[in-house]
Amino acid sequence: MKQAIILAHPDARSFNAAVARTYAEELRSQGHAPILRDLYAIDFDPRLRARELPWADDFAAGSDIRREVELIDESQVFVLVYPLWFNTPPAILKGYIERVFGIGFGYGRSGETSEQRLRGRGLVSITTSGAPEAWAEQSGALPDLRRAFDDYLAQVCGLSVLEHRHFGGIVPGLRLDAAQHILEDVRVTARQLFSAAGPTTP
């Protein structure tokens, strides 16, 4: 199974980057084929252009988007790895969703109706925050994020939400044993979802 892991953190030494690498390593150990797209490393431009608007007379996806779609087109699962900033995804990830998962890849049009083009594929999110996980849940930040981002993206594109794993309390100076414990949790998540016995996607 091919999976696209989309990392949205500016620091290649960050805990989020370690999460993305760990998840990819576990997938490879299970015989899957992950592709890691580090949005900052590839200098992804999140700005939607006027001609990329669905109603533009000269509508056309940018050449960078066409290349990106070619890379992830055959992925059966999309894995988003990112920190919460102001309790929302980083701007670069939001721009990636707008430009790459927009019309032509994530969805299309058939007359007056919208066509889901990623039906049967899965969505996994792994997020972090400096605030404790319990606070993120109790404040409504995580439920709101899942509803407005995960569920909406899935609804528009036809994806199935397989998992949203959140880790709170990720701050500078995180103890090594705590970090290792969380990374093991990431491995277990990947293993449970996509064991060698077969994927759990629809």
N, C-alpha and C. Protein backbone atom coordinates (compact mmCIF):
# COMPACT_ATOMS: atom_id res chain seq x y z
N MET A 1 0.84 -1.19 0.00
CA MET A 1 0.00 0.00 0.00
C MET A 1 0.87 1.24 0.00
N LYS A 2 0.54 2.17 -0.90
CA LYS A 2 1.25 3.44 -0.95
C LYS A 2 0.54 4.45 -0.05
N GLN A 3 1.31 5.14 0.79
CA GLN A 3 0.76 6.15 1.66
C GLN A 3 1.57 7.43 1.55
N ALA A 4 0.89 8.57 1.51
CA ALA A 4 1.55 9.86 1.46
C ALA A 4 1.52 10.48 2.85
N ILE A 5 2.70 10.68 3.43
CA ILE A 5 2.83 11.32 4.74
C ILE A 5 3.18 12.78 4.51
N ILE A 6 2.32 13.67 4.93
CA ILE A 6 2.48 15.09 4.66
C ILE A 6 2.83 15.80 5.97
N LEU A 7 4.08 16.24 6.07
CA LEU A 7 4.60 16.86 7.28
C LEU A 7 4.58 18.38 7.15
N ALA A 8 4.03 19.05 8.15
CA ALA A 8 3.94 20.52 8.11
C ALA A 8 4.57 21.10 9.37
N HIS A 9 5.90 21.14 9.41
CA HIS A 9 6.62 21.77 10.51
C HIS A 9 7.91 22.36 9.96
N PRO A 10 8.24 23.60 10.34
CA PRO A 10 9.41 24.26 9.74
C PRO A 10 10.76 23.74 10.18
N ASP A 11 10.81 22.98 11.27
CA ASP A 11 12.09 22.52 11.81
C ASP A 11 12.27 21.02 11.53
N ALA A 12 13.27 20.67 10.74
CA ALA A 12 13.52 19.27 10.40
C ALA A 12 13.93 18.45 11.62
N ARG A 13 14.31 19.13 12.72
CA ARG A 13 14.70 18.44 13.95
C ARG A 13 13.57 18.39 14.96
N SER A 14 12.39 18.81 14.55
CA SER A 14 11.25 18.89 15.46
C SER A 14 10.72 17.52 15.84
N PHE A 15 9.91 17.52 16.89
CA PHE A 15 9.27 16.27 17.30
C PHE A 15 8.29 15.80 16.22
N ASN A 16 7.61 16.73 15.57
CA ASN A 16 6.70 16.35 14.49
C ASN A 16 7.45 15.63 13.37
N ALA A 17 8.65 16.10 13.04
CA ALA A 17 9.45 15.44 12.02
C ALA A 17 9.82 14.02 12.46
N ALA A 18 10.15 13.87 13.74
CA ALA A 18 10.46 12.54 14.27
C ALA A 18 9.23 11.63 14.20
N VAL A 19 8.06 12.19 14.46
CA VAL A 19 6.82 11.42 14.35
C VAL A 19 6.63 10.93 12.91
N ALA A 20 6.80 11.83 11.95
CA ALA A 20 6.61 11.46 10.55
C ALA A 20 7.60 10.37 10.13
N ARG A 21 8.85 10.50 10.53
CA ARG A 21 9.86 9.49 10.17
C ARG A 21 9.55 8.16 10.84
N THR A 22 9.14 8.20 12.10
CA THR A 22 8.82 6.97 12.83
C THR A 22 7.64 6.25 12.19
N TYR A 23 6.62 7.00 11.84
CA TYR A 23 5.44 6.42 11.20
C TYR A 23 5.84 5.77 9.87
N ALA A 24 6.67 6.46 9.09
CA ALA A 24 7.12 5.92 7.81
C ALA A 24 7.94 4.64 8.00
N GLU A 25 8.82 4.65 9.00
CA GLU A 25 9.64 3.46 9.27
C GLU A 25 8.77 2.26 9.62
N GLU A 26 7.75 2.48 10.43
CA GLU A 26 6.87 1.38 10.82
C GLU A 26 6.11 0.85 9.61
N LEU A 27 5.65 1.75 8.75
CA LEU A 27 4.97 1.31 7.54
C LEU A 27 5.88 0.44 6.67
N ARG A 28 7.12 0.89 6.50
CA ARG A 28 8.06 0.11 5.69
C ARG A 28 8.29 -1.28 6.29
N SER A 29 8.34 -1.35 7.62
CA SER A 29 8.55 -2.64 8.28
C SER A 29 7.37 -3.58 8.06
N GLN A 30 6.21 -3.00 7.74
CA GLN A 30 5.02 -3.79 7.46
C GLN A 30 4.86 -4.08 5.97
N GLY A 31 5.83 -3.63 5.18
CA GLY A 31 5.79 -3.91 3.75
C GLY A 31 5.06 -2.88 2.91
N HIS A 32 4.72 -1.74 3.49
CA HIS A 32 4.03 -0.69 2.75
C HIS A 32 5.04 0.28 2.12
N ALA A 33 4.54 1.18 1.29
CA ALA A 33 5.41 2.10 0.56
C ALA A 33 5.04 3.54 0.87
N PRO A 34 5.57 4.08 1.97
CA PRO A 34 5.27 5.48 2.29
C PRO A 34 6.11 6.45 1.49
N ILE A 35 5.54 7.60 1.19
CA ILE A 35 6.28 8.70 0.59
C ILE A 35 6.10 9.89 1.52
N LEU A 36 7.22 10.47 1.95
CA LEU A 36 7.18 11.58 2.90
C LEU A 36 7.32 12.90 2.17
N ARG A 37 6.33 13.77 2.33
CA ARG A 37 6.36 15.10 1.73
C ARG A 37 6.51 16.12 2.85
N ASP A 38 7.73 16.61 3.03
CA ASP A 38 8.03 17.62 4.03
C ASP A 38 7.78 18.97 3.36
N LEU A 39 6.68 19.63 3.70
CA LEU A 39 6.26 20.82 2.97
C LEU A 39 7.26 21.97 3.06
N TYR A 40 7.92 22.12 4.20
CA TYR A 40 8.91 23.18 4.32
C TYR A 40 10.19 22.81 3.56
N ALA A 41 10.57 21.55 3.60
CA ALA A 41 11.79 21.12 2.91
C ALA A 41 11.66 21.29 1.40
N ILE A 42 10.46 21.08 0.86
CA ILE A 42 10.26 21.24 -0.58
C ILE A 42 9.87 22.67 -0.93
N ASP A 43 9.81 23.54 0.09
CA ASP A 43 9.45 24.95 -0.09
C ASP A 43 8.10 25.08 -0.80
N PHE A 44 7.12 24.36 -0.30
CA PHE A 44 5.79 24.40 -0.92
C PHE A 44 5.18 25.78 -0.79
N ASP A 45 4.60 26.27 -1.87
CA ASP A 45 3.93 27.57 -1.87
C ASP A 45 2.45 27.36 -1.56
N PRO A 46 1.97 27.82 -0.41
CA PRO A 46 0.58 27.57 -0.03
C PRO A 46 -0.42 28.55 -0.64
N ARG A 47 0.06 29.51 -1.41
CA ARG A 47 -0.83 30.56 -1.91
C ARG A 47 -1.63 30.09 -3.13
N LEU A 48 -2.94 30.12 -3.00
CA LEU A 48 -3.83 29.78 -4.10
C LEU A 48 -3.82 30.91 -5.12
N ARG A 49 -3.62 30.57 -6.38
CA ARG A 49 -3.58 31.56 -7.45
C ARG A 49 -4.97 31.80 -8.03
N ALA A 50 -5.15 32.98 -8.65
CA ALA A 50 -6.46 33.34 -9.19
C ALA A 50 -6.94 32.33 -10.22
N ARG A 51 -6.04 31.84 -11.06
CA ARG A 51 -6.47 30.90 -12.10
C ARG A 51 -6.70 29.49 -11.55
N GLU A 52 -6.37 29.26 -10.26
CA GLU A 52 -6.66 27.98 -9.63
C GLU A 52 -8.03 27.95 -8.98
N LEU A 53 -8.74 29.08 -9.01
CA LEU A 53 -10.10 29.11 -8.50
C LEU A 53 -11.01 28.34 -9.46
N PRO A 54 -11.89 27.49 -8.93
CA PRO A 54 -12.69 26.62 -9.80
C PRO A 54 -13.50 27.37 -10.85
N TRP A 55 -13.90 28.60 -10.56
CA TRP A 55 -14.75 29.33 -11.49
C TRP A 55 -13.96 30.22 -12.46
N ALA A 56 -12.64 30.20 -12.39
CA ALA A 56 -11.83 31.02 -13.28
C ALA A 56 -12.00 30.57 -14.73
N ASP A 57 -12.14 31.53 -15.64
CA ASP A 57 -12.29 31.20 -17.06
C ASP A 57 -11.07 30.48 -17.60
N ASP A 58 -9.89 30.84 -17.07
CA ASP A 58 -8.65 30.20 -17.54
C ASP A 58 -8.12 29.21 -16.49
N PHE A 59 -9.05 28.52 -15.81
CA PHE A 59 -8.68 27.61 -14.72
C PHE A 59 -7.58 26.63 -15.15
N ALA A 60 -6.57 26.52 -14.31
CA ALA A 60 -5.50 25.55 -14.54
C ALA A 60 -4.70 25.40 -13.25
N ALA A 61 -4.39 24.16 -12.91
CA ALA A 61 -3.55 23.91 -11.74
C ALA A 61 -2.12 24.32 -12.06
N GLY A 62 -1.42 24.88 -11.06
CA GLY A 62 -0.04 25.27 -11.25
C GLY A 62 0.84 24.06 -11.53
N SER A 63 1.99 24.29 -12.17
CA SER A 63 2.89 23.18 -12.51
C SER A 63 3.38 22.46 -11.25
N ASP A 64 3.57 23.21 -10.14
CA ASP A 64 4.00 22.58 -8.89
C ASP A 64 2.92 21.64 -8.35
N ILE A 65 1.66 22.02 -8.55
CA ILE A 65 0.56 21.17 -8.08
C ILE A 65 0.43 19.93 -8.94
N ARG A 66 0.62 20.08 -10.23
CA ARG A 66 0.55 18.91 -11.11
C ARG A 66 1.63 17.89 -10.75
N ARG A 67 2.83 18.39 -10.42
CA ARG A 67 3.91 17.48 -10.01
C ARG A 67 3.56 16.80 -8.68
N GLU A 68 2.99 17.57 -7.75
CA GLU A 68 2.64 17.01 -6.45
C GLU A 68 1.59 15.93 -6.60
N VAL A 69 0.59 16.18 -7.40
CA VAL A 69 -0.47 15.20 -7.62
C VAL A 69 0.10 13.92 -8.22
N GLU A 70 1.04 14.06 -9.15
CA GLU A 70 1.67 12.87 -9.73
C GLU A 70 2.35 12.02 -8.66
N LEU A 71 2.95 12.68 -7.67
CA LEU A 71 3.67 11.96 -6.62
C LEU A 71 2.73 11.21 -5.68
N ILE A 72 1.59 11.81 -5.36
CA ILE A 72 0.72 11.22 -4.33
C ILE A 72 -0.54 10.58 -4.90
N ASP A 73 -0.69 10.62 -6.22
CA ASP A 73 -1.95 10.21 -6.85
C ASP A 73 -2.36 8.78 -6.51
N GLU A 74 -1.41 7.87 -6.41
CA GLU A 74 -1.74 6.47 -6.18
C GLU A 74 -1.83 6.11 -4.70
N SER A 75 -1.67 7.08 -3.83
CA SER A 75 -1.71 6.81 -2.39
C SER A 75 -3.10 6.38 -1.96
N GLN A 76 -3.14 5.33 -1.18
CA GLN A 76 -4.41 4.85 -0.65
C GLN A 76 -4.75 5.49 0.69
N VAL A 77 -3.73 6.06 1.33
CA VAL A 77 -3.93 6.73 2.62
C VAL A 77 -3.11 8.01 2.63
N PHE A 78 -3.70 9.08 3.16
CA PHE A 78 -3.01 10.35 3.33
C PHE A 78 -2.85 10.60 4.83
N VAL A 79 -1.62 10.82 5.26
CA VAL A 79 -1.30 10.97 6.67
C VAL A 79 -0.82 12.40 6.91
N LEU A 80 -1.55 13.16 7.69
CA LEU A 80 -1.19 14.55 7.97
C LEU A 80 -0.52 14.62 9.33
N VAL A 81 0.68 15.15 9.37
CA VAL A 81 1.44 15.29 10.62
C VAL A 81 1.74 16.77 10.83
N TYR A 82 1.20 17.35 11.92
CA TYR A 82 1.37 18.79 12.10
C TYR A 82 1.10 19.21 13.54
N PRO A 83 1.66 20.37 13.94
CA PRO A 83 1.37 20.93 15.26
C PRO A 83 0.13 21.82 15.18
N LEU A 84 -0.51 22.02 16.31
CA LEU A 84 -1.61 22.98 16.38
C LEU A 84 -1.03 24.34 16.76
N TRP A 85 -1.28 25.33 15.91
CA TRP A 85 -0.90 26.70 16.20
C TRP A 85 -2.17 27.51 16.23
N PHE A 86 -2.45 28.16 17.37
CA PHE A 86 -3.73 28.82 17.60
C PHE A 86 -4.88 27.81 17.37
N ASN A 87 -4.61 26.56 17.77
CA ASN A 87 -5.59 25.47 17.69
C ASN A 87 -6.07 25.17 16.28
N THR A 88 -5.25 25.50 15.28
CA THR A 88 -5.58 25.19 13.89
C THR A 88 -4.33 24.66 13.19
N PRO A 89 -4.48 24.05 12.01
CA PRO A 89 -3.31 23.57 11.28
C PRO A 89 -2.44 24.74 10.81
N PRO A 90 -1.15 24.52 10.63
CA PRO A 90 -0.28 25.56 10.08
C PRO A 90 -0.76 26.02 8.71
N ALA A 91 -0.48 27.27 8.38
CA ALA A 91 -0.94 27.85 7.11
C ALA A 91 -0.45 27.05 5.91
N ILE A 92 0.78 26.51 5.99
CA ILE A 92 1.33 25.79 4.85
C ILE A 92 0.52 24.52 4.56
N LEU A 93 0.00 23.88 5.61
CA LEU A 93 -0.82 22.69 5.40
C LEU A 93 -2.19 23.06 4.85
N LYS A 94 -2.77 24.14 5.38
CA LYS A 94 -4.05 24.60 4.87
C LYS A 94 -3.94 24.93 3.38
N GLY A 95 -2.83 25.59 3.01
CA GLY A 95 -2.62 25.90 1.60
C GLY A 95 -2.42 24.66 0.76
N TYR A 96 -1.76 23.65 1.33
CA TYR A 96 -1.56 22.39 0.61
C TYR A 96 -2.90 21.73 0.32
N ILE A 97 -3.77 21.70 1.31
CA ILE A 97 -5.09 21.11 1.12
C ILE A 97 -5.87 21.89 0.07
N GLU A 98 -5.84 23.22 0.15
CA GLU A 98 -6.58 24.05 -0.80
C GLU A 98 -6.09 23.85 -2.23
N ARG A 99 -4.76 23.79 -2.40
CA ARG A 99 -4.22 23.74 -3.76
C ARG A 99 -4.15 22.32 -4.31
N VAL A 100 -3.74 21.35 -3.49
CA VAL A 100 -3.55 19.98 -4.00
C VAL A 100 -4.83 19.17 -3.96
N PHE A 101 -5.59 19.29 -2.88
CA PHE A 101 -6.81 18.50 -2.73
C PHE A 101 -8.03 19.22 -3.30
N GLY A 102 -7.80 20.29 -4.01
CA GLY A 102 -8.90 21.03 -4.60
C GLY A 102 -9.47 20.34 -5.83
N ILE A 103 -10.19 21.11 -6.61
CA ILE A 103 -10.87 20.56 -7.78
C ILE A 103 -9.86 19.95 -8.76
N GLY A 104 -10.17 18.78 -9.25
CA GLY A 104 -9.30 18.08 -10.17
C GLY A 104 -8.64 16.87 -9.53
N PHE A 105 -8.32 16.95 -8.24
CA PHE A 105 -7.73 15.81 -7.53
C PHE A 105 -8.66 15.31 -6.44
N GLY A 106 -8.95 16.15 -5.45
CA GLY A 106 -9.79 15.72 -4.34
C GLY A 106 -11.25 15.59 -4.73
N TYR A 107 -11.70 16.49 -5.58
CA TYR A 107 -13.09 16.44 -6.02
C TYR A 107 -13.19 17.02 -7.43
N GLY A 108 -14.31 16.78 -8.07
CA GLY A 108 -14.54 17.31 -9.41
C GLY A 108 -15.97 17.78 -9.52
N ARG A 109 -16.34 18.16 -10.70
CA ARG A 109 -17.70 18.62 -10.92
C ARG A 109 -18.33 17.83 -12.06
N SER A 110 -19.57 17.46 -11.86
CA SER A 110 -20.36 16.82 -12.90
C SER A 110 -21.66 17.60 -12.99
N GLY A 111 -21.71 18.55 -13.92
CA GLY A 111 -22.87 19.43 -13.99
C GLY A 111 -22.91 20.33 -12.78
N GLU A 112 -24.01 20.27 -12.04
CA GLU A 112 -24.18 21.10 -10.85
C GLU A 112 -23.78 20.37 -9.57
N THR A 113 -23.37 19.12 -9.70
CA THR A 113 -23.04 18.33 -8.51
C THR A 113 -21.53 18.17 -8.38
N SER A 114 -21.09 17.89 -7.15
CA SER A 114 -19.68 17.68 -6.86
C SER A 114 -19.39 16.18 -6.83
N GLU A 115 -18.27 15.81 -7.39
CA GLU A 115 -17.88 14.40 -7.48
C GLU A 115 -16.70 14.13 -6.55
N GLN A 116 -16.85 13.20 -5.63
CA GLN A 116 -15.77 12.83 -4.71
C GLN A 116 -14.79 11.93 -5.47
N ARG A 117 -13.54 12.35 -5.56
CA ARG A 117 -12.57 11.61 -6.36
C ARG A 117 -11.62 10.73 -5.56
N LEU A 118 -11.72 10.81 -4.23
CA LEU A 118 -10.83 10.01 -3.39
C LEU A 118 -11.62 8.99 -2.57
N ARG A 119 -12.78 8.64 -3.07
CA ARG A 119 -13.62 7.67 -2.36
C ARG A 119 -12.88 6.34 -2.22
N GLY A 120 -12.97 5.76 -1.02
CA GLY A 120 -12.31 4.49 -0.76
C GLY A 120 -10.91 4.63 -0.21
N ARG A 121 -10.40 5.85 -0.14
CA ARG A 121 -9.07 6.06 0.43
C ARG A 121 -9.20 6.59 1.86
N GLY A 122 -8.10 6.52 2.61
CA GLY A 122 -8.17 6.84 4.03
C GLY A 122 -7.41 8.09 4.41
N LEU A 123 -7.79 8.65 5.56
CA LEU A 123 -7.15 9.84 6.12
C LEU A 123 -6.74 9.55 7.56
N VAL A 124 -5.46 9.79 7.87
CA VAL A 124 -4.93 9.66 9.22
C VAL A 124 -4.31 11.00 9.60
N SER A 125 -4.59 11.49 10.80
CA SER A 125 -3.97 12.72 11.28
C SER A 125 -3.23 12.45 12.58
N ILE A 126 -2.02 12.99 12.68
CA ILE A 126 -1.25 12.93 13.92
C ILE A 126 -0.86 14.36 14.25
N THR A 127 -1.38 14.87 15.36
CA THR A 127 -1.16 16.26 15.72
C THR A 127 -0.52 16.39 17.09
N THR A 128 0.09 17.55 17.32
CA THR A 128 0.70 17.83 18.62
C THR A 128 0.31 19.23 19.07
N SER A 129 0.44 19.46 20.35
CA SER A 129 0.22 20.80 20.90
C SER A 129 1.07 20.97 22.14
N GLY A 130 1.37 22.22 22.47
CA GLY A 130 2.08 22.48 23.72
C GLY A 130 1.18 22.30 24.91
N ALA A 131 -0.09 22.58 24.73
CA ALA A 131 -1.07 22.41 25.81
C ALA A 131 -1.31 20.93 26.06
N PRO A 132 -1.69 20.56 27.28
CA PRO A 132 -1.98 19.16 27.57
C PRO A 132 -3.12 18.63 26.71
N GLU A 133 -3.09 17.35 26.40
CA GLU A 133 -4.12 16.75 25.56
C GLU A 133 -5.51 16.91 26.18
N ALA A 134 -5.60 16.76 27.51
CA ALA A 134 -6.89 16.89 28.18
C ALA A 134 -7.48 18.28 27.97
N TRP A 135 -6.62 19.30 28.01
CA TRP A 135 -7.11 20.66 27.79
C TRP A 135 -7.61 20.83 26.36
N ALA A 136 -6.88 20.28 25.41
CA ALA A 136 -7.27 20.40 24.00
C ALA A 136 -8.63 19.76 23.77
N GLU A 137 -8.91 18.68 24.48
CA GLU A 137 -10.22 18.02 24.36
C GLU A 137 -11.30 18.83 25.07
N GLN A 138 -11.04 19.20 26.32
CA GLN A 138 -12.05 19.87 27.13
C GLN A 138 -12.39 21.26 26.62
N SER A 139 -11.41 21.94 26.04
CA SER A 139 -11.65 23.29 25.52
C SER A 139 -12.45 23.26 24.21
N GLY A 140 -12.55 22.09 23.63
CA GLY A 140 -13.25 21.97 22.36
C GLY A 140 -12.34 22.11 21.16
N ALA A 141 -11.05 22.40 21.38
CA ALA A 141 -10.12 22.61 20.27
C ALA A 141 -10.02 21.38 19.37
N LEU A 142 -9.83 20.22 19.96
CA LEU A 142 -9.69 19.00 19.16
C LEU A 142 -11.01 18.58 18.50
N PRO A 143 -12.13 18.54 19.25
CA PRO A 143 -13.39 18.20 18.58
C PRO A 143 -13.72 19.14 17.42
N ASP A 144 -13.46 20.43 17.61
CA ASP A 144 -13.73 21.40 16.55
C ASP A 144 -12.82 21.15 15.36
N LEU A 145 -11.54 20.85 15.62
CA LEU A 145 -10.60 20.58 14.54
C LEU A 145 -11.01 19.35 13.75
N ARG A 146 -11.37 18.30 14.46
CA ARG A 146 -11.78 17.07 13.77
C ARG A 146 -13.01 17.31 12.90
N ARG A 147 -13.93 18.09 13.41
CA ARG A 147 -15.17 18.35 12.68
C ARG A 147 -14.94 19.27 11.47
N ALA A 148 -14.18 20.34 11.68
CA ALA A 148 -14.02 21.35 10.63
C ALA A 148 -12.94 21.00 9.62
N PHE A 149 -11.97 20.17 10.03
CA PHE A 149 -10.86 19.87 9.13
C PHE A 149 -10.92 18.42 8.64
N ASP A 150 -10.81 17.46 9.56
CA ASP A 150 -10.81 16.04 9.15
C ASP A 150 -12.12 15.66 8.47
N ASP A 151 -13.21 15.86 9.19
CA ASP A 151 -14.51 15.40 8.69
C ASP A 151 -14.92 16.13 7.42
N TYR A 152 -14.63 17.43 7.36
CA TYR A 152 -15.04 18.18 6.17
C TYR A 152 -14.22 17.76 4.96
N LEU A 153 -12.90 17.62 5.13
CA LEU A 153 -12.05 17.17 4.04
C LEU A 153 -12.50 15.79 3.55
N ALA A 154 -12.81 14.92 4.49
CA ALA A 154 -13.27 13.59 4.14
C ALA A 154 -14.59 13.64 3.37
N GLN A 155 -15.49 14.49 3.83
CA GLN A 155 -16.79 14.60 3.18
C GLN A 155 -16.66 15.11 1.75
N VAL A 156 -15.84 16.12 1.54
CA VAL A 156 -15.70 16.71 0.20
C VAL A 156 -15.03 15.75 -0.77
N CYS A 157 -14.00 15.05 -0.30
CA CYS A 157 -13.20 14.20 -1.19
C CYS A 157 -13.60 12.74 -1.19
N GLY A 158 -14.45 12.33 -0.25
CA GLY A 158 -14.86 10.92 -0.19
C GLY A 158 -13.92 10.06 0.62
N LEU A 159 -13.05 10.66 1.42
CA LEU A 159 -12.12 9.91 2.25
C LEU A 159 -12.82 9.31 3.47
N SER A 160 -12.21 8.28 4.02
CA SER A 160 -12.65 7.72 5.30
C SER A 160 -11.64 8.11 6.37
N VAL A 161 -12.11 8.74 7.44
CA VAL A 161 -11.23 9.11 8.54
C VAL A 161 -10.90 7.85 9.34
N LEU A 162 -9.64 7.45 9.30
CA LEU A 162 -9.23 6.22 9.98
C LEU A 162 -8.75 6.47 11.41
N GLU A 163 -8.14 7.64 11.63
CA GLU A 163 -7.58 7.92 12.95
C GLU A 163 -7.17 9.38 13.04
N HIS A 164 -7.35 9.97 14.23
CA HIS A 164 -6.72 11.25 14.54
C HIS A 164 -6.10 11.09 15.91
N ARG A 165 -4.78 10.97 15.92
CA ARG A 165 -4.04 10.78 17.17
C ARG A 165 -3.40 12.10 17.56
N HIS A 166 -3.69 12.56 18.77
CA HIS A 166 -3.15 13.83 19.24
C HIS A 166 -2.28 13.61 20.47
N PHE A 167 -1.15 14.33 20.50
CA PHE A 167 -0.24 14.27 21.63
C PHE A 167 -0.05 15.69 22.18
N GLY A 168 -0.45 15.89 23.43
CA GLY A 168 -0.30 17.19 24.06
C GLY A 168 0.96 17.26 24.90
N GLY A 169 1.27 18.47 25.34
CA GLY A 169 2.44 18.65 26.19
C GLY A 169 3.76 18.54 25.46
N ILE A 170 3.75 18.77 24.15
CA ILE A 170 4.99 18.69 23.37
C ILE A 170 5.64 20.08 23.39
N VAL A 171 6.62 20.22 24.26
CA VAL A 171 7.27 21.52 24.47
C VAL A 171 8.79 21.31 24.45
N PRO A 172 9.55 22.40 24.22
CA PRO A 172 11.01 22.29 24.29
C PRO A 172 11.43 21.71 25.64
N GLY A 173 12.41 20.81 25.60
CA GLY A 173 12.87 20.19 26.84
C GLY A 173 12.10 18.93 27.20
N LEU A 174 11.26 18.44 26.27
CA LEU A 174 10.52 17.20 26.52
C LEU A 174 11.51 16.09 26.87
N ARG A 175 11.25 15.38 27.98
CA ARG A 175 12.16 14.33 28.43
C ARG A 175 12.30 13.24 27.37
N LEU A 176 13.50 12.69 27.26
CA LEU A 176 13.78 11.68 26.26
C LEU A 176 12.87 10.46 26.42
N ASP A 177 12.67 10.03 27.67
CA ASP A 177 11.83 8.85 27.87
C ASP A 177 10.38 9.12 27.46
N ALA A 178 9.91 10.35 27.70
CA ALA A 178 8.56 10.71 27.30
C ALA A 178 8.44 10.73 25.78
N ALA A 179 9.45 11.29 25.12
CA ALA A 179 9.45 11.33 23.66
C ALA A 179 9.47 9.92 23.08
N GLN A 180 10.29 9.06 23.63
CA GLN A 180 10.37 7.68 23.14
C GLN A 180 9.05 6.94 23.34
N HIS A 181 8.39 7.23 24.46
CA HIS A 181 7.09 6.60 24.73
C HIS A 181 6.06 7.02 23.68
N ILE A 182 6.05 8.29 23.33
CA ILE A 182 5.10 8.78 22.33
C ILE A 182 5.42 8.20 20.96
N LEU A 183 6.70 8.14 20.61
CA LEU A 183 7.08 7.59 19.31
C LEU A 183 6.71 6.11 19.22
N GLU A 184 6.79 5.41 20.33
CA GLU A 184 6.34 4.01 20.33
C GLU A 184 4.84 3.95 20.10
N ASP A 185 4.11 4.90 20.67
CA ASP A 185 2.67 4.99 20.44
C ASP A 185 2.39 5.20 18.96
N VAL A 186 3.20 6.02 18.30
CA VAL A 186 3.05 6.25 16.86
C VAL A 186 3.26 4.94 16.10
N ARG A 187 4.28 4.18 16.48
CA ARG A 187 4.53 2.89 15.83
C ARG A 187 3.34 1.95 16.01
N VAL A 188 2.82 1.92 17.22
CA VAL A 188 1.68 1.04 17.51
C VAL A 188 0.47 1.45 16.68
N THR A 189 0.24 2.75 16.56
CA THR A 189 -0.88 3.25 15.76
C THR A 189 -0.76 2.77 14.32
N ALA A 190 0.41 2.94 13.73
CA ALA A 190 0.63 2.50 12.35
C ALA A 190 0.48 1.00 12.22
N ARG A 191 0.96 0.27 13.22
CA ARG A 191 0.91 -1.18 13.19
C ARG A 191 -0.53 -1.67 13.29
N GLN A 192 -1.31 -1.05 14.16
CA GLN A 192 -2.70 -1.47 14.34
C GLN A 192 -3.55 -1.16 13.11
N LEU A 193 -3.28 -0.02 12.49
CA LEU A 193 -4.04 0.36 11.31
C LEU A 193 -3.66 -0.45 10.08
N PHE A 194 -2.37 -0.72 9.95
CA PHE A 194 -1.89 -1.33 8.70
C PHE A 194 -0.90 -2.46 8.97
N SER A 195 -1.35 -3.45 9.69
CA SER A 195 -0.49 -4.58 10.01
C SER A 195 -0.20 -5.38 8.76
N ALA A 196 0.81 -6.26 8.85
CA ALA A 196 1.17 -7.10 7.71
C ALA A 196 0.02 -8.00 7.29
N ALA A 197 -0.95 -8.19 8.19
CA ALA A 197 -2.09 -9.04 7.86
C ALA A 197 -3.02 -8.37 6.86
N GLY A 198 -2.86 -7.04 6.70
CA GLY A 198 -3.70 -6.33 5.73
C GLY A 198 -4.19 -5.03 6.30
N PRO A 199 -4.44 -4.06 5.44
CA PRO A 199 -4.89 -2.74 5.88
C PRO A 199 -6.31 -2.75 6.36
N THR A 200 -6.66 -1.74 7.16
CA THR A 200 -8.03 -1.64 7.66
C THR A 200 -8.84 -0.61 6.90
N THR A 201 -8.32 -0.16 5.73
CA THR A 201 -9.06 0.80 4.94
C THR A 201 -10.30 0.15 4.35
N PRO A 202 -11.33 0.97 4.00
CA PRO A 202 -12.57 0.41 3.47
C PRO A 202 -12.35 -0.39 2.20
